[in-house]
Amino acid sequence: MNATHTGLLAGLVLGAAAAIGGLGAFFLALVVGAIGFVVGRVLDGELDLNALLGRGRDR
């Protein structure tokens, strides 16, 4: 299991634990899971936030 999978799993578990029950909890777990997924991708080096934020290395 790489950092992307770990981040996604951790985000989903924390989101579900933080808000159990209802449609609101589903969306909260979905958002927290997506954040965990993005953090995992960054830690794996598969996503470069500098490119997304407009801070390229070409300066």
N, C-alpha and C. Protein backbone atom coordinates (compact mmCIF):
# COMPACT_ATOMS: atom_id res chain seq x y z
N MET A 1 0.86 -1.17 0.00
CA MET A 1 0.00 0.00 0.00
C MET A 1 0.90 1.23 0.00
N ASN A 2 0.74 2.07 -1.01
CA ASN A 2 1.57 3.27 -1.09
C ASN A 2 0.92 4.44 -0.35
N ALA A 3 1.58 5.57 -0.37
CA ALA A 3 1.09 6.73 0.39
C ALA A 3 -0.25 7.23 -0.15
N THR A 4 -0.52 7.08 -1.44
CA THR A 4 -1.80 7.51 -1.98
C THR A 4 -2.94 6.69 -1.39
N HIS A 5 -2.77 5.38 -1.37
CA HIS A 5 -3.81 4.52 -0.80
C HIS A 5 -3.96 4.76 0.70
N THR A 6 -2.85 4.94 1.38
CA THR A 6 -2.89 5.18 2.82
C THR A 6 -3.59 6.50 3.13
N GLY A 7 -3.29 7.53 2.37
CA GLY A 7 -3.92 8.82 2.58
C GLY A 7 -5.41 8.78 2.31
N LEU A 8 -5.80 8.08 1.25
CA LEU A 8 -7.22 7.94 0.94
C LEU A 8 -7.94 7.17 2.03
N LEU A 9 -7.37 6.09 2.47
CA LEU A 9 -7.98 5.28 3.52
C LEU A 9 -8.09 6.07 4.83
N ALA A 10 -7.03 6.76 5.19
CA ALA A 10 -7.04 7.55 6.42
C ALA A 10 -8.08 8.66 6.35
N GLY A 11 -8.18 9.33 5.23
CA GLY A 11 -9.17 10.38 5.08
C GLY A 11 -10.59 9.87 5.18
N LEU A 12 -10.85 8.73 4.56
CA LEU A 12 -12.19 8.16 4.62
C LEU A 12 -12.55 7.70 6.03
N VAL A 13 -11.61 7.09 6.71
CA VAL A 13 -11.87 6.62 8.07
C VAL A 13 -12.08 7.79 9.01
N LEU A 14 -11.23 8.81 8.92
CA LEU A 14 -11.38 9.97 9.79
C LEU A 14 -12.67 10.73 9.51
N GLY A 15 -13.03 10.84 8.23
CA GLY A 15 -14.27 11.51 7.89
C GLY A 15 -15.48 10.77 8.41
N ALA A 16 -15.48 9.45 8.29
CA ALA A 16 -16.59 8.66 8.78
C ALA A 16 -16.66 8.69 10.31
N ALA A 17 -15.51 8.67 10.96
CA ALA A 17 -15.49 8.71 12.42
C ALA A 17 -15.91 10.07 12.95
N ALA A 18 -15.60 11.12 12.23
CA ALA A 18 -15.91 12.48 12.69
C ALA A 18 -17.40 12.80 12.58
N ALA A 19 -18.07 12.24 11.61
CA ALA A 19 -19.47 12.58 11.39
C ALA A 19 -20.25 11.35 10.95
N ILE A 20 -20.72 10.60 11.90
CA ILE A 20 -21.45 9.37 11.58
C ILE A 20 -22.93 9.68 11.41
N GLY A 21 -23.47 9.21 10.31
CA GLY A 21 -24.90 9.30 10.09
C GLY A 21 -25.32 10.36 9.10
N GLY A 22 -26.24 10.01 8.23
CA GLY A 22 -26.90 10.96 7.34
C GLY A 22 -26.13 11.28 6.07
N LEU A 23 -26.80 12.06 5.23
CA LEU A 23 -26.22 12.46 3.94
C LEU A 23 -25.06 13.42 4.14
N GLY A 24 -25.16 14.27 5.16
CA GLY A 24 -24.07 15.21 5.45
C GLY A 24 -22.78 14.49 5.79
N ALA A 25 -22.89 13.40 6.54
CA ALA A 25 -21.72 12.62 6.90
C ALA A 25 -21.10 11.97 5.66
N PHE A 26 -21.95 11.55 4.73
CA PHE A 26 -21.44 10.97 3.49
C PHE A 26 -20.60 11.98 2.73
N PHE A 27 -21.12 13.20 2.58
CA PHE A 27 -20.38 14.21 1.84
C PHE A 27 -19.12 14.65 2.58
N LEU A 28 -19.17 14.70 3.90
CA LEU A 28 -17.99 15.05 4.68
C LEU A 28 -16.91 13.98 4.50
N ALA A 29 -17.29 12.71 4.56
CA ALA A 29 -16.33 11.63 4.36
C ALA A 29 -15.77 11.66 2.95
N LEU A 30 -16.60 12.02 1.98
CA LEU A 30 -16.14 12.12 0.59
C LEU A 30 -15.11 13.23 0.44
N VAL A 31 -15.35 14.38 1.03
CA VAL A 31 -14.42 15.51 0.94
C VAL A 31 -13.12 15.20 1.67
N VAL A 32 -13.22 14.66 2.88
CA VAL A 32 -12.02 14.34 3.64
C VAL A 32 -11.23 13.24 2.94
N GLY A 33 -11.91 12.28 2.34
CA GLY A 33 -11.23 11.25 1.56
C GLY A 33 -10.50 11.81 0.36
N ALA A 34 -11.12 12.77 -0.32
CA ALA A 34 -10.47 13.41 -1.47
C ALA A 34 -9.23 14.19 -1.03
N ILE A 35 -9.32 14.86 0.11
CA ILE A 35 -8.16 15.59 0.63
C ILE A 35 -7.04 14.60 0.97
N GLY A 36 -7.38 13.50 1.60
CA GLY A 36 -6.39 12.47 1.91
C GLY A 36 -5.76 11.89 0.66
N PHE A 37 -6.56 11.72 -0.38
CA PHE A 37 -6.06 11.20 -1.64
C PHE A 37 -5.04 12.16 -2.25
N VAL A 38 -5.36 13.45 -2.26
CA VAL A 38 -4.46 14.46 -2.82
C VAL A 38 -3.16 14.52 -2.01
N VAL A 39 -3.27 14.50 -0.69
CA VAL A 39 -2.06 14.52 0.14
C VAL A 39 -1.21 13.29 -0.14
N GLY A 40 -1.83 12.14 -0.28
CA GLY A 40 -1.09 10.93 -0.61
C GLY A 40 -0.39 11.02 -1.95
N ARG A 41 -1.06 11.59 -2.95
CA ARG A 41 -0.44 11.76 -4.27
C ARG A 41 0.77 12.68 -4.19
N VAL A 42 0.66 13.74 -3.39
CA VAL A 42 1.78 14.66 -3.23
C VAL A 42 2.95 13.94 -2.56
N LEU A 43 2.67 13.15 -1.52
CA LEU A 43 3.72 12.43 -0.81
C LEU A 43 4.38 11.38 -1.69
N ASP A 44 3.62 10.80 -2.63
CA ASP A 44 4.18 9.83 -3.57
C ASP A 44 4.98 10.51 -4.68
N GLY A 45 4.84 11.82 -4.81
CA GLY A 45 5.53 12.54 -5.87
C GLY A 45 4.81 12.46 -7.20
N GLU A 46 3.56 12.04 -7.20
CA GLU A 46 2.79 11.91 -8.43
C GLU A 46 2.00 13.17 -8.76
N LEU A 47 1.98 14.12 -7.83
CA LEU A 47 1.25 15.36 -8.05
C LEU A 47 2.14 16.51 -7.59
N ASP A 48 2.41 17.45 -8.50
CA ASP A 48 3.26 18.59 -8.20
C ASP A 48 2.38 19.80 -7.96
N LEU A 49 2.28 20.24 -6.72
CA LEU A 49 1.44 21.39 -6.40
C LEU A 49 2.00 22.69 -6.96
N ASN A 50 3.30 22.77 -7.17
CA ASN A 50 3.88 23.98 -7.74
C ASN A 50 3.33 24.24 -9.14
N ALA A 51 3.12 23.19 -9.91
CA ALA A 51 2.57 23.35 -11.25
C ALA A 51 1.12 23.83 -11.19
N LEU A 52 0.38 23.34 -10.19
CA LEU A 52 -1.02 23.73 -10.06
C LEU A 52 -1.18 25.14 -9.51
N LEU A 53 -0.26 25.57 -8.66
CA LEU A 53 -0.34 26.89 -8.04
C LEU A 53 0.33 27.98 -8.87
N GLY A 54 0.93 27.60 -10.00
CA GLY A 54 1.55 28.59 -10.88
C GLY A 54 2.95 28.97 -10.47
N ARG A 55 3.56 28.21 -9.58
CA ARG A 55 4.92 28.50 -9.16
C ARG A 55 5.85 27.49 -9.81
N GLY A 56 6.08 27.67 -11.08
CA GLY A 56 6.94 26.75 -11.81
C GLY A 56 8.41 26.92 -11.46
N ARG A 57 9.22 25.99 -11.93
CA ARG A 57 10.64 26.02 -11.64
C ARG A 57 11.42 26.79 -12.70
N ASP A 58 10.73 27.44 -13.61
CA ASP A 58 11.38 28.11 -14.75
C ASP A 58 11.80 29.54 -14.44
N ARG A 59 11.74 29.97 -13.23
CA ARG A 59 12.07 31.35 -12.91
C ARG A 59 13.52 31.63 -13.03
